[in-house]
């Protein structure tokens, strides 16, 4: 494979990941000074957006009364240090005036690239730019309603999506963060901004556009992130643009969990390259939306009751329906709770398979288990319980299984569904009998099946109004920490017992773990973690409200 093809494949992989995170509501972007150069220039201005070196030259001239003439003159420590010297010698108002006089704002208008970028469903847009190009773009965007944040005090009541001006904003939202001293004091004086960026990094895929690898803004922010989150917890960050990076610079970025996406193979012209990048994301988002058309395929499995079928014909019919249902299940986007409109569609598609359950004795047990498993999966996704008249068919299939098939995960799933029916229909003798059978093989269950089994045991104890038994089951229920969703289910039961403080701690820890996995995961092909995050947020909200009520804080 040529280097160019390898580069294109890598970029396509990263773009797919960003698009999926955008669509699931887990992507934010930070815009740097380089992006403003893509604005549309008014005819009557000669101003241009400056590079850091250009700005350094202006500061140097102010300090020394002349432009830097040679490389020796240009060996100033850094632009931020020069800004410090200008402030020290001439005062802060002079420094601010230099920035306002030399950095254009109203002399430029947002371009089509600005509009296309803001039309993407970013969770938040952060910017270190002083100009108002993003705010003016947001006024014309119908797809998103961005709230503009220029003061740290406004963060408390703000709602996403937001455009957050991190370093001040023209004409007068100061201080304009520009000196080395400004950056030194920033984490303390502007802690709400730093915390907001860090929280966004934990929750979202983070894209950096308009920065270079040597941009002081970029270096400072990345330093704060690493200082506060640590390398192990630092999420992946994508640095996007036409990047001229040496092998050493690339390696250094990778060590900091920063993935450079060089768009130079799109075009050497920044505007064109970034426009292709944004359009590609938009196209991929359309593909992501297509996932929401699930379930698209459906075959009605009509059963002609006027005909007699031999065993081979019955098994062929069952195999066809199993194949069809399995194919649809494998394409499921993994919503934790299937949206209501999708439940209606799936339920309608499933009804043609109902008559087959009444003939399940006519096929071998393996086929019967597979059919019941696919049927039961659909019922659970539709939030439909097992019909009472079907339980005998479930019991018949289970009774045909020997000890070797006891450990089949499909069979265990069916048994757990039966336990739920027995509990809800007060068939307690059957519940105890089946639970005892599962208990003999619990050490061979997967972590998730074991968690579901213990959850069912806790619910059974609650149905018996035996709180001591509930506590006993909770003590025996040892969870793998990776099962954050089941940790949350366990926390819900703990909350039912009145230990709200402990439940809240568990939920907050589980939410953090899910968000870390969301952000550190590779390409996200489904919505499972995003759904679990939403579930935990809702449960945590109710737990906190209950806790505040118990504490007498009725207004919260």
Protein backbone atom coordinates (compact mmCIF):
# COMPACT_ATOMS: atom_id res chain seq x y z
CA UNK A 1 0.00 0.00 0.00
CA UNK A 2 1.38 3.43 -0.96
CA UNK A 3 1.95 6.06 1.75
CA UNK A 4 -0.78 8.24 0.21
CA UNK A 5 -3.35 5.42 0.27
CA UNK A 6 -2.39 4.55 3.85
CA UNK A 7 -2.81 8.21 4.83
CA UNK A 8 -6.23 8.41 3.17
CA UNK A 9 -7.40 5.22 4.89
CA UNK A 10 -6.31 6.56 8.28
CA UNK A 11 -8.10 9.86 7.69
CA UNK A 12 -11.27 8.07 6.57
CA UNK A 13 -11.17 5.97 9.74
CA UNK A 14 -10.80 9.04 11.95
CA UNK A 15 -13.48 10.97 10.06
CA UNK A 16 -15.90 8.07 10.52
CA UNK A 17 -15.18 8.07 14.24
CA UNK A 18 -15.71 11.83 14.52
CA UNK A 19 -18.95 11.61 12.52
CA UNK A 20 -20.30 8.84 14.74
CA UNK A 21 -19.45 10.82 17.87
CA UNK A 22 -21.07 13.93 16.39
CA UNK A 23 -24.27 12.05 15.66
CA UNK A 24 -24.40 10.52 19.15
CA UNK A 25 -23.91 13.98 20.73
CA UNK A 26 -20.35 13.44 21.90
CA UNK A 27 -18.09 15.74 19.91
CA UNK A 28 -16.80 19.25 20.64
CA UNK A 29 -14.43 21.50 18.73
CA UNK A 30 -11.90 24.16 19.70
CA UNK A 31 -11.26 26.86 17.09
CA UNK A 32 -7.89 28.61 16.87
CA UNK A 33 -6.64 31.72 15.12
CA UNK A 34 -5.76 29.88 11.92
CA UNK A 35 -9.41 29.21 11.17
CA UNK A 36 -10.24 32.93 11.01
CA UNK A 37 -8.06 33.23 7.91
CA UNK A 38 -10.84 31.44 6.03
CA UNK A 39 -13.17 34.44 6.51
CA UNK A 40 -14.41 36.57 3.60
CA UNK A 41 -12.50 39.86 3.33
CA UNK A 42 -14.33 43.15 2.78
CA UNK A 43 -13.17 45.09 -0.28
CA UNK A 44 -12.28 48.27 1.59
CA UNK A 45 -9.76 46.81 4.07
CA UNK A 46 -6.09 45.99 3.86
CA UNK A 47 -5.96 44.25 7.23
CA UNK A 48 -5.23 40.55 7.43
CA UNK A 49 -5.36 37.91 10.12
CA UNK A 50 -1.90 37.60 11.61
CA UNK A 51 0.23 34.62 12.47
CA UNK A 52 1.90 34.45 15.88
CA UNK A 53 5.18 35.52 14.27
CA UNK A 54 3.45 38.51 12.64
CA UNK A 55 2.09 39.52 16.04
CA UNK A 56 5.54 39.04 17.55
CA UNK A 57 6.98 41.42 14.95
CA UNK A 58 4.41 44.09 15.93
CA UNK A 59 5.24 43.73 19.62
CA UNK A 60 8.96 43.83 18.81
CA UNK A 61 8.54 47.05 16.83
CA UNK A 62 6.59 48.65 19.67
CA UNK A 63 9.36 47.78 22.13
CA UNK A 64 12.39 48.59 19.99
CA UNK A 65 11.10 51.24 17.59
CA UNK A 66 12.02 49.16 14.57
CA UNK A 67 10.99 45.99 12.83
CA UNK A 68 13.12 42.90 13.38
CA UNK A 69 15.51 43.03 10.46
CA UNK A 70 17.30 39.70 10.62
CA UNK A 71 17.15 36.32 12.24
CA UNK A 72 19.12 37.58 15.23
CA UNK A 73 16.41 40.19 15.94
CA UNK A 74 13.71 37.52 15.57
CA UNK A 75 15.20 35.31 18.26
CA UNK A 76 12.91 36.76 20.86
CA UNK A 77 11.93 34.29 23.59
CA UNK A 78 8.30 34.00 22.52
CA UNK A 79 5.30 36.12 21.58
CA UNK A 80 3.74 35.83 25.04
CA UNK A 81 6.97 37.11 26.61
CA UNK A 82 7.00 40.08 24.22
CA UNK A 83 3.38 40.84 25.17
CA UNK A 84 4.47 40.82 28.82
CA UNK A 85 7.17 43.35 28.02
CA UNK A 86 4.75 45.60 26.11
CA UNK A 87 2.36 45.60 29.06
CA UNK A 88 5.17 46.28 31.51
CA UNK A 89 6.57 49.17 29.50
CA UNK A 90 3.42 50.82 28.12
CA UNK A 91 0.54 49.50 30.25
CA UNK A 92 -2.35 47.12 29.61
CA UNK A 93 -4.55 49.61 27.70
CA UNK A 94 -1.79 50.02 25.11
CA UNK A 95 -1.42 46.26 24.72
CA UNK A 96 -5.18 45.86 24.25
CA UNK A 97 -5.20 48.69 21.72
CA UNK A 98 -2.42 47.03 19.70
CA UNK A 99 -4.51 43.86 19.50
CA UNK A 100 -7.68 45.71 18.48
CA UNK A 101 -5.87 47.83 15.89
CA UNK A 102 -3.98 44.98 14.26
CA UNK A 103 -6.37 42.04 14.44
CA UNK A 104 -9.32 42.44 12.07
CA UNK A 105 -12.88 41.62 13.04
CA UNK A 106 -15.68 43.57 11.37
CA UNK A 107 -13.43 43.98 8.33
CA UNK A 108 -14.20 40.33 7.54
CA UNK A 109 -17.41 38.35 7.23
CA UNK A 110 -18.01 34.65 7.97
CA UNK A 111 -17.41 32.45 4.95
CA UNK A 112 -19.32 29.43 3.70
CA UNK A 113 -16.79 27.29 5.58
CA UNK A 114 -17.78 28.97 8.85
CA UNK A 115 -21.43 28.25 8.11
CA UNK A 116 -20.82 24.61 7.16
CA UNK A 117 -18.72 23.98 10.27
CA UNK A 118 -21.33 25.40 12.65
CA UNK A 119 -24.12 23.41 11.00
CA UNK A 120 -22.53 20.23 12.33
CA UNK A 121 -24.08 19.04 15.63
CA UNK A 122 -21.21 20.00 17.95
CA UNK A 123 -21.92 19.63 21.65
CA UNK A 124 -19.90 22.81 22.30
CA UNK A 125 -17.61 25.12 20.33
CA UNK A 126 -14.66 26.59 22.22
CA UNK A 127 -12.50 29.31 20.75
CA UNK A 128 -9.37 31.21 21.77
CA UNK A 129 -10.08 33.86 19.10
CA UNK A 130 -11.01 37.43 19.96
CA UNK A 131 -12.92 38.08 16.71
CA UNK A 132 -16.69 37.67 16.43
CA UNK A 133 -16.82 35.57 13.26
CA UNK A 134 -18.29 32.52 15.03
CA UNK A 135 -20.96 34.56 16.83
CA UNK A 136 -22.00 36.23 13.58
CA UNK A 137 -22.12 32.85 11.86
CA UNK A 138 -24.31 31.42 14.62
CA UNK A 139 -26.94 34.11 13.99
CA UNK A 140 -27.57 32.62 10.55
CA UNK A 141 -27.59 28.93 11.53
CA UNK A 142 -31.02 27.31 11.74
CA UNK A 143 -29.87 23.75 12.48
CA UNK A 144 -28.26 24.71 15.82
CA UNK A 145 -29.10 27.41 18.36
CA UNK A 146 -25.77 28.30 19.94
CA UNK A 147 -25.63 30.20 23.22
CA UNK A 148 -22.73 32.69 23.26
CA UNK A 149 -20.60 32.66 26.45
CA UNK A 150 -18.05 35.44 26.91
CA UNK A 151 -17.98 35.61 30.73
CA UNK A 152 -17.09 32.78 33.09
CA UNK A 153 -20.06 33.77 35.28
CA UNK A 154 -22.49 32.94 32.44
CA UNK A 155 -21.46 29.27 32.36
CA UNK A 156 -23.60 28.30 35.37
CA UNK A 157 -26.96 28.74 33.68
CA UNK A 158 -25.90 28.10 30.11
CA UNK A 159 -27.29 25.32 27.93
CA UNK A 160 -25.59 23.36 25.17
CA UNK A 161 -24.66 23.84 22.41
CA UNK A 162 -22.55 26.89 23.24
CA UNK A 163 -19.87 29.03 21.68
CA UNK A 164 -17.48 29.71 24.56
CA UNK A 165 -14.98 32.55 24.16
CA UNK A 166 -12.06 31.41 26.32
CA UNK A 167 -9.64 34.31 25.86
CA UNK A 168 -11.86 37.39 25.67
CA UNK A 169 -13.84 38.87 22.82
CA UNK A 170 -13.84 42.02 20.73
CA UNK A 171 -14.75 44.74 21.23
CA UNK A 172 -14.54 44.89 25.04
CA UNK A 173 -14.83 41.51 26.79
CA UNK A 174 -11.50 41.59 28.59
CA UNK A 175 -8.91 40.66 29.53
CA UNK A 176 -7.64 39.51 26.16
CA UNK A 177 -5.46 36.57 27.20
CA UNK A 178 -2.13 37.26 25.51
CA UNK A 179 0.72 37.62 28.01
CA UNK A 180 2.73 34.93 29.72
CA UNK A 181 1.39 36.23 33.03
CA UNK A 182 -2.19 35.93 31.73
CA UNK A 183 -1.60 32.26 30.97
CA UNK A 184 0.10 31.67 34.31
CA UNK A 185 -2.90 32.99 36.26
CA UNK A 186 -5.55 31.62 33.89
CA UNK A 187 -6.21 28.22 35.56
CA UNK A 188 -7.02 29.98 38.85
CA UNK A 189 -8.73 33.16 37.66
CA UNK A 190 -10.70 31.45 34.89
CA UNK A 191 -11.18 28.07 36.56
CA UNK A 192 -14.80 27.71 35.29
CA UNK A 193 -13.55 27.86 31.68
CA UNK A 194 -10.73 25.37 32.34
CA UNK A 195 -13.10 23.01 34.16
CA UNK A 196 -15.64 23.23 31.35
CA UNK A 197 -13.04 22.28 28.76
CA UNK A 198 -11.79 19.42 30.93
CA UNK A 199 -15.35 18.14 31.45
CA UNK A 200 -15.99 18.31 27.73
CA UNK A 201 -12.80 16.33 27.12
CA UNK A 202 -14.01 13.59 29.47
CA UNK A 203 -17.41 13.40 27.77
CA UNK A 204 -16.61 14.07 24.12
CA UNK A 205 -14.30 13.49 21.23
CA UNK A 206 -12.36 16.74 20.92
CA UNK A 207 -11.30 18.34 17.64
CA UNK A 208 -8.78 21.18 17.31
CA UNK A 209 -9.05 23.29 14.15
CA UNK A 210 -6.98 26.37 13.32
CA UNK A 211 -4.02 25.49 15.54
CA UNK A 212 -0.46 24.57 14.69
CA UNK A 213 1.77 22.32 16.75
CA UNK A 214 3.70 25.38 17.98
CA UNK A 215 0.70 27.63 18.67
CA UNK A 216 1.10 29.02 22.23
CA UNK A 217 -2.65 28.64 22.84
CA UNK A 218 -2.46 25.02 21.78
CA UNK A 219 0.59 24.29 23.93
CA UNK A 220 -0.85 25.95 27.04
CA UNK A 221 -4.23 24.21 26.81
CA UNK A 222 -2.70 20.80 26.15
CA UNK A 223 -0.38 21.33 29.12
CA UNK A 224 -3.30 22.11 31.45
CA UNK A 225 -5.20 19.07 30.22
CA UNK A 226 -2.27 16.74 30.87
CA UNK A 227 -1.55 18.34 34.25
CA UNK A 228 -5.12 17.86 35.45
CA UNK A 229 -6.20 14.63 33.78
CA UNK A 230 -2.90 12.78 33.52
CA UNK A 231 -1.69 10.92 30.45
CA UNK A 232 -3.62 7.74 31.30
CA UNK A 233 -6.97 9.55 31.50
CA UNK A 234 -6.34 12.04 28.72
CA UNK A 235 -8.79 11.31 25.92
CA UNK A 236 -8.00 11.26 22.25
CA UNK A 237 -7.78 14.72 20.71
CA UNK A 238 -7.72 15.29 16.94
CA UNK A 239 -5.51 18.10 15.62
CA UNK A 240 -6.94 18.89 12.18
CA UNK A 241 -5.47 20.98 9.37
CA UNK A 242 -2.68 21.19 6.84
CA UNK A 243 0.08 20.15 9.19
CA UNK A 244 3.80 20.28 8.47
CA UNK A 245 5.00 18.02 11.23
CA UNK A 246 8.31 16.26 11.55
CA UNK A 247 8.47 12.65 12.65
CA UNK A 248 9.56 13.81 16.10
CA UNK A 249 6.65 16.27 16.37
CA UNK A 250 4.16 13.56 15.37
CA UNK A 251 5.61 11.19 17.95
CA UNK A 252 5.42 13.88 20.66
CA UNK A 253 1.76 14.56 19.82
CA UNK A 254 0.91 10.87 19.86
CA UNK A 255 2.53 10.51 23.29
CA UNK A 256 0.11 13.19 24.45
CA UNK A 257 -2.89 11.32 22.96
CA UNK A 258 -3.18 13.90 20.18
CA UNK A 259 -3.88 12.44 16.76
CA UNK A 260 -2.81 14.71 13.86
CA UNK A 261 -5.13 14.58 10.85
CA UNK A 262 -3.20 16.11 7.96
CA UNK A 263 -5.64 17.34 5.30
CA UNK A 264 -2.93 18.11 2.74
CA UNK A 265 -3.98 15.17 0.56
CA UNK A 266 -7.37 16.93 0.14
CA UNK A 267 -5.69 20.14 -0.98
CA UNK A 268 -2.65 22.30 -0.18
CA UNK A 269 -4.98 25.31 0.10
CA UNK A 270 -6.36 25.51 3.69
CA UNK A 271 -9.87 26.70 2.80
CA UNK A 272 -10.39 23.97 0.20
CA UNK A 273 -8.95 21.24 2.46
CA UNK A 274 -11.11 22.23 5.43
CA UNK A 275 -14.22 22.53 3.26
CA UNK A 276 -13.66 18.98 1.98
CA UNK A 277 -13.17 17.85 5.57
CA UNK A 278 -16.46 19.42 6.69
CA UNK A 279 -18.38 18.11 3.66
CA UNK A 280 -17.02 14.61 4.28
CA UNK A 281 -18.25 14.77 7.88
CA UNK A 282 -21.68 15.90 6.65
CA UNK A 283 -21.86 12.98 4.21
CA UNK A 284 -20.87 10.52 6.93
CA UNK A 285 -23.51 12.00 9.23
CA UNK A 286 -26.14 11.19 6.63
CA UNK A 287 -24.90 7.59 6.76
CA UNK A 288 -25.16 7.67 10.56
CA UNK A 289 -28.74 8.90 10.35
CA UNK A 290 -29.56 5.90 8.17
CA UNK A 291 -28.92 3.68 11.19
CA UNK A 292 -31.96 5.26 12.74
CA UNK A 293 -34.13 3.73 10.03
CA UNK A 294 -33.78 0.37 11.80
CA UNK A 295 -35.57 -2.00 11.36
CA UNK A 296 -35.63 -1.54 7.59
CA UNK A 297 -35.97 -5.16 6.47
CA UNK A 298 -39.03 -7.21 7.13
CA UNK A 299 -40.46 -10.47 5.86
CA UNK A 300 -43.95 -11.55 6.85
CA UNK A 301 -43.92 -15.23 7.83
CA UNK A 302 -47.44 -16.30 7.03
CA UNK A 303 -48.52 -19.74 8.22
CA UNK A 304 -51.17 -21.55 6.15
CA UNK A 305 -53.22 -23.49 8.70
CA UNK A 306 -55.05 -25.39 5.95
CA UNK A 307 -51.92 -27.37 5.06
CA UNK A 308 -50.14 -30.24 6.74
CA UNK A 309 -46.33 -30.07 6.92
CA UNK A 310 -43.80 -32.76 7.62
CA UNK A 311 -40.91 -32.19 10.05
CA UNK A 312 -38.49 -31.11 7.33
CA UNK A 313 -40.94 -28.50 6.05
CA UNK A 314 -41.58 -27.21 9.59
CA UNK A 315 -37.87 -26.89 10.27
CA UNK A 316 -37.36 -25.04 6.98
CA UNK A 317 -40.05 -22.52 7.94
CA UNK A 318 -38.57 -22.02 11.41
CA UNK A 319 -35.07 -21.65 9.99
CA UNK A 320 -36.24 -18.96 7.56
CA UNK A 321 -37.82 -16.87 10.29
CA UNK A 322 -34.79 -17.34 12.55
CA UNK A 323 -32.44 -16.22 9.77
CA UNK A 324 -34.55 -13.14 9.04
CA UNK A 325 -34.91 -12.12 12.70
CA UNK A 326 -31.24 -12.78 13.44
CA UNK A 327 -30.11 -10.59 10.54
CA UNK A 328 -32.26 -7.71 11.80
CA UNK A 329 -31.06 -8.20 15.38
CA UNK A 330 -27.41 -8.07 14.29
CA UNK A 331 -28.05 -4.64 12.71
CA UNK A 332 -29.63 -3.25 15.89
CA UNK A 333 -27.99 0.10 16.81
CA UNK A 334 -28.02 -0.96 20.48
CA UNK A 335 -30.36 1.58 21.99
CA UNK A 336 -30.76 0.68 25.63
CA UNK A 337 -34.46 1.40 25.30
CA UNK A 338 -35.89 1.18 21.80
CA UNK A 339 -37.62 4.48 20.85
CA UNK A 340 -41.41 4.31 20.92
CA UNK A 341 -41.95 4.63 17.16
CA UNK A 342 -39.44 1.84 16.55
CA UNK A 343 -41.15 -0.38 19.13
CA UNK A 344 -44.42 -0.03 17.22
CA UNK A 345 -42.75 -1.02 13.96
CA UNK A 346 -40.83 -3.96 15.45
CA UNK A 347 -43.93 -5.23 17.25
CA UNK A 348 -45.91 -5.12 14.01
CA UNK A 349 -43.15 -6.97 12.15
CA UNK A 350 -42.99 -9.64 14.87
CA UNK A 351 -46.70 -10.50 15.03
CA UNK A 352 -46.54 -12.67 11.90
CA UNK A 353 -44.23 -15.00 13.86
CA UNK A 354 -46.60 -15.48 16.79
CA UNK A 355 -48.44 -18.55 15.37
CA UNK A 356 -45.16 -20.46 15.15
CA UNK A 357 -44.81 -20.69 18.91
CA UNK A 358 -47.87 -22.96 19.04
CA UNK A 359 -46.12 -25.55 16.83
CA UNK A 360 -42.72 -25.45 18.49
CA UNK A 361 -42.92 -29.15 19.49
CA UNK A 362 -42.63 -30.04 15.80
CA UNK A 363 -38.95 -29.03 15.51
CA UNK A 364 -35.76 -30.14 17.24
CA UNK A 365 -34.83 -28.47 20.54
CA UNK A 366 -31.86 -26.55 19.08
CA UNK A 367 -34.09 -24.90 16.51
CA UNK A 368 -36.76 -24.31 19.14
CA UNK A 369 -34.26 -22.54 21.44
CA UNK A 370 -33.06 -20.32 18.60
CA UNK A 371 -36.61 -19.40 17.62
CA UNK A 372 -37.65 -18.59 21.20
CA UNK A 373 -34.49 -16.60 21.74
CA UNK A 374 -35.13 -14.40 18.68
CA UNK A 375 -38.81 -14.01 19.59
CA UNK A 376 -38.02 -13.18 23.21
CA UNK A 377 -35.36 -10.63 22.18
CA UNK A 378 -37.97 -8.82 20.11
CA UNK A 379 -40.55 -8.93 22.89
CA UNK A 380 -38.09 -7.41 25.36
CA UNK A 381 -37.09 -4.66 22.93
CA UNK A 382 -40.79 -3.86 22.43
CA UNK A 383 -41.31 -3.86 26.24
CA UNK A 384 -43.87 -6.63 25.79
CA UNK A 385 -44.02 -9.35 28.48
CA UNK A 386 -44.22 -13.06 27.67
CA UNK A 387 -47.89 -13.85 27.13
CA UNK A 388 -49.14 -16.15 29.89
CA UNK A 389 -50.48 -18.64 27.36
CA UNK A 390 -46.96 -19.01 25.93
CA UNK A 391 -45.19 -19.93 29.15
CA UNK A 392 -46.02 -23.62 28.67
CA UNK A 393 -44.16 -23.52 25.35
CA UNK A 394 -41.12 -21.97 27.05
CA UNK A 395 -41.29 -24.63 29.76
CA UNK A 396 -41.57 -27.40 27.18
CA UNK A 397 -38.43 -26.25 25.35
CA UNK A 398 -36.50 -25.88 28.63
CA UNK A 399 -37.54 -29.36 29.72
CA UNK A 400 -36.01 -30.87 26.56
CA UNK A 401 -32.55 -29.55 27.43
CA UNK A 402 -29.92 -31.63 29.16
CA UNK A 403 -27.03 -30.55 31.35
CA UNK A 404 -24.79 -29.85 28.34
CA UNK A 405 -27.15 -27.24 26.93
CA UNK A 406 -27.81 -25.69 30.35
CA UNK A 407 -24.85 -23.41 29.81
CA UNK A 408 -26.04 -22.16 26.41
CA UNK A 409 -26.37 -18.36 26.77
CA UNK A 410 -29.57 -18.35 24.66
CA UNK A 411 -31.14 -20.82 27.05
CA UNK A 412 -30.04 -18.77 30.09
CA UNK A 413 -31.55 -15.64 28.53
CA UNK A 414 -34.86 -17.49 28.13
CA UNK A 415 -34.74 -18.75 31.70
CA UNK A 416 -34.14 -15.25 33.02
CA UNK A 417 -37.12 -14.01 31.00
CA UNK A 418 -39.20 -16.81 32.54
CA UNK A 419 -38.06 -15.80 36.05
CA UNK A 420 -39.38 -12.33 35.41
CA UNK A 421 -42.77 -13.66 34.31
CA UNK A 422 -42.99 -15.99 37.32
CA UNK A 423 -42.22 -13.07 39.64
CA UNK A 424 -44.62 -10.62 38.04
CA UNK A 425 -47.43 -13.18 37.86
CA UNK A 426 -46.80 -14.39 41.45
CA UNK A 427 -45.85 -17.90 40.33
CA UNK A 428 -43.44 -18.08 43.24
CA UNK A 429 -42.99 -21.88 43.42
CA UNK A 430 -41.93 -21.94 39.77
CA UNK A 431 -39.64 -18.97 40.39
CA UNK A 432 -37.86 -20.69 43.28
CA UNK A 433 -37.46 -23.91 41.30
CA UNK A 434 -36.00 -22.24 38.20
CA UNK A 435 -33.80 -19.87 40.22
CA UNK A 436 -32.37 -22.87 42.03
CA UNK A 437 -31.53 -24.53 38.73
CA UNK A 438 -29.73 -21.42 37.46
CA UNK A 439 -27.94 -21.10 40.81
CA UNK A 440 -26.18 -24.42 40.28
CA UNK A 441 -24.40 -23.07 37.18
CA UNK A 442 -24.01 -19.40 38.18
CA UNK A 443 -20.21 -19.72 38.34
CA UNK A 444 -20.22 -20.55 34.64
CA UNK A 445 -22.30 -17.52 33.61
CA UNK A 446 -20.85 -14.47 31.90
CA UNK A 447 -20.49 -11.37 34.08
CA UNK A 448 -23.49 -9.73 32.41
CA UNK A 449 -25.78 -12.75 32.71
CA UNK A 450 -24.74 -13.16 36.35
CA UNK A 451 -25.55 -9.48 37.00
CA UNK A 452 -28.96 -9.92 35.40
CA UNK A 453 -29.57 -13.02 37.51
CA UNK A 454 -28.74 -11.23 40.78
CA UNK A 455 -30.83 -8.24 39.75
CA UNK A 456 -33.78 -10.60 39.29
CA UNK A 457 -33.14 -12.13 42.72
CA UNK A 458 -33.17 -8.65 44.29
CA UNK A 459 -36.45 -7.81 42.58
CA UNK A 460 -37.96 -11.10 43.77
CA UNK A 461 -37.00 -10.22 47.37
CA UNK A 462 -38.60 -6.78 46.94
CA UNK A 463 -41.80 -8.42 45.63
CA UNK A 464 -41.77 -10.51 48.81
CA UNK A 465 -41.39 -7.28 50.86
CA UNK A 466 -38.42 -8.94 52.53
CA UNK A 467 -35.89 -6.11 52.89
CA UNK A 468 -33.44 -8.27 54.84
CA UNK A 469 -33.39 -10.70 51.94
CA UNK A 470 -32.83 -7.79 49.53
CA UNK A 471 -29.78 -6.71 51.54
CA UNK A 472 -28.51 -10.30 51.60
CA UNK A 473 -28.81 -10.57 47.80
CA UNK A 474 -27.06 -7.20 47.36
CA UNK A 475 -24.16 -8.36 49.56
CA UNK A 476 -23.76 -11.53 47.49
CA UNK A 477 -23.97 -9.59 44.22
CA UNK A 478 -20.33 -8.91 43.34
CA UNK A 479 -20.04 -6.81 40.22
CA UNK A 480 -17.31 -6.44 37.64
CA UNK A 481 -16.54 -2.69 37.65
CA UNK A 482 -16.70 -2.60 33.86
CA UNK A 483 -20.45 -3.31 34.05
CA UNK A 484 -21.33 0.31 34.82
CA UNK A 485 -24.93 -0.11 33.66
CA UNK A 486 -25.53 -2.96 36.10
CA UNK A 487 -23.76 -0.97 38.83
CA UNK A 488 -26.43 1.67 38.18
CA UNK A 489 -29.23 -0.93 38.39
CA UNK A 490 -27.79 -2.09 41.70
CA UNK A 491 -27.59 1.54 42.88
CA UNK A 492 -31.28 1.91 42.06
CA UNK A 493 -32.13 -0.91 44.47
CA UNK A 494 -29.83 0.57 47.13
CA UNK A 495 -31.74 3.84 46.72
CA UNK A 496 -35.03 1.94 47.18
CA UNK A 497 -33.67 0.81 50.56
CA UNK A 498 -33.11 4.44 51.55
CA UNK A 499 -29.32 4.61 51.26
CA UNK A 500 -29.45 7.50 48.80
CA UNK A 501 -25.98 8.85 49.53
CA UNK A 502 -24.31 5.53 48.69
CA UNK A 503 -26.51 5.15 45.60
CA UNK A 504 -25.49 8.61 44.36
CA UNK A 505 -21.79 7.81 44.84
CA UNK A 506 -22.15 4.58 42.84
CA UNK A 507 -24.10 6.34 40.08
CA UNK A 508 -21.57 9.16 39.80
CA UNK A 509 -18.70 6.68 39.59
CA UNK A 510 -20.55 4.58 36.99
CA UNK A 511 -21.37 7.67 34.94
CA UNK A 512 -17.71 8.68 34.93
CA UNK A 513 -16.65 5.20 33.82
CA UNK A 514 -19.17 5.17 30.96
CA UNK A 515 -18.05 8.61 29.81
CA UNK A 516 -14.41 7.57 29.84
CA UNK A 517 -15.24 4.50 27.73
CA UNK A 518 -17.33 6.65 25.40
CA UNK A 519 -14.43 8.99 24.83
CA UNK A 520 -11.58 6.48 24.74
CA UNK A 521 -13.40 3.92 22.64
CA UNK A 522 -12.38 3.33 19.07
CA UNK A 523 -14.93 3.76 16.31
CA UNK A 524 -18.33 3.65 17.96
CA UNK A 525 -20.63 1.50 15.86
CA UNK A 526 -23.66 1.70 18.12
CA UNK A 527 -25.49 3.78 20.68
CA UNK A 528 -25.19 1.48 23.68
CA UNK A 529 -22.84 3.61 25.77
CA UNK A 530 -24.63 6.83 24.82
CA UNK A 531 -27.95 5.24 25.84
CA UNK A 532 -26.46 4.01 29.11
CA UNK A 533 -25.12 7.49 29.80
CA UNK A 534 -28.59 8.98 29.32
CA UNK A 535 -30.11 6.29 31.58
CA UNK A 536 -27.59 6.98 34.35
CA UNK A 537 -28.08 10.73 34.10
CA UNK A 538 -31.83 10.31 34.58
CA UNK A 539 -31.41 7.91 37.48
CA UNK A 540 -28.83 10.18 39.12
CA UNK A 541 -31.17 13.15 38.72
CA UNK A 542 -33.97 11.36 40.58
CA UNK A 543 -31.62 10.06 43.28
CA UNK A 544 -30.29 13.56 43.94
CA UNK A 545 -33.79 15.04 44.04
CA UNK A 546 -34.85 12.40 46.56
CA UNK A 547 -31.73 12.99 48.65
CA UNK A 548 -32.30 16.75 48.69
CA UNK A 549 -35.93 16.21 49.68
CA UNK A 550 -34.93 13.92 52.55
CA UNK A 551 -32.41 16.54 53.67
CA UNK A 552 -35.20 19.14 53.75
CA UNK A 553 -33.99 21.05 50.70
CA UNK A 554 -37.39 21.00 48.99
CA UNK A 555 -36.62 23.62 46.36
CA UNK A 556 -33.89 21.61 44.60
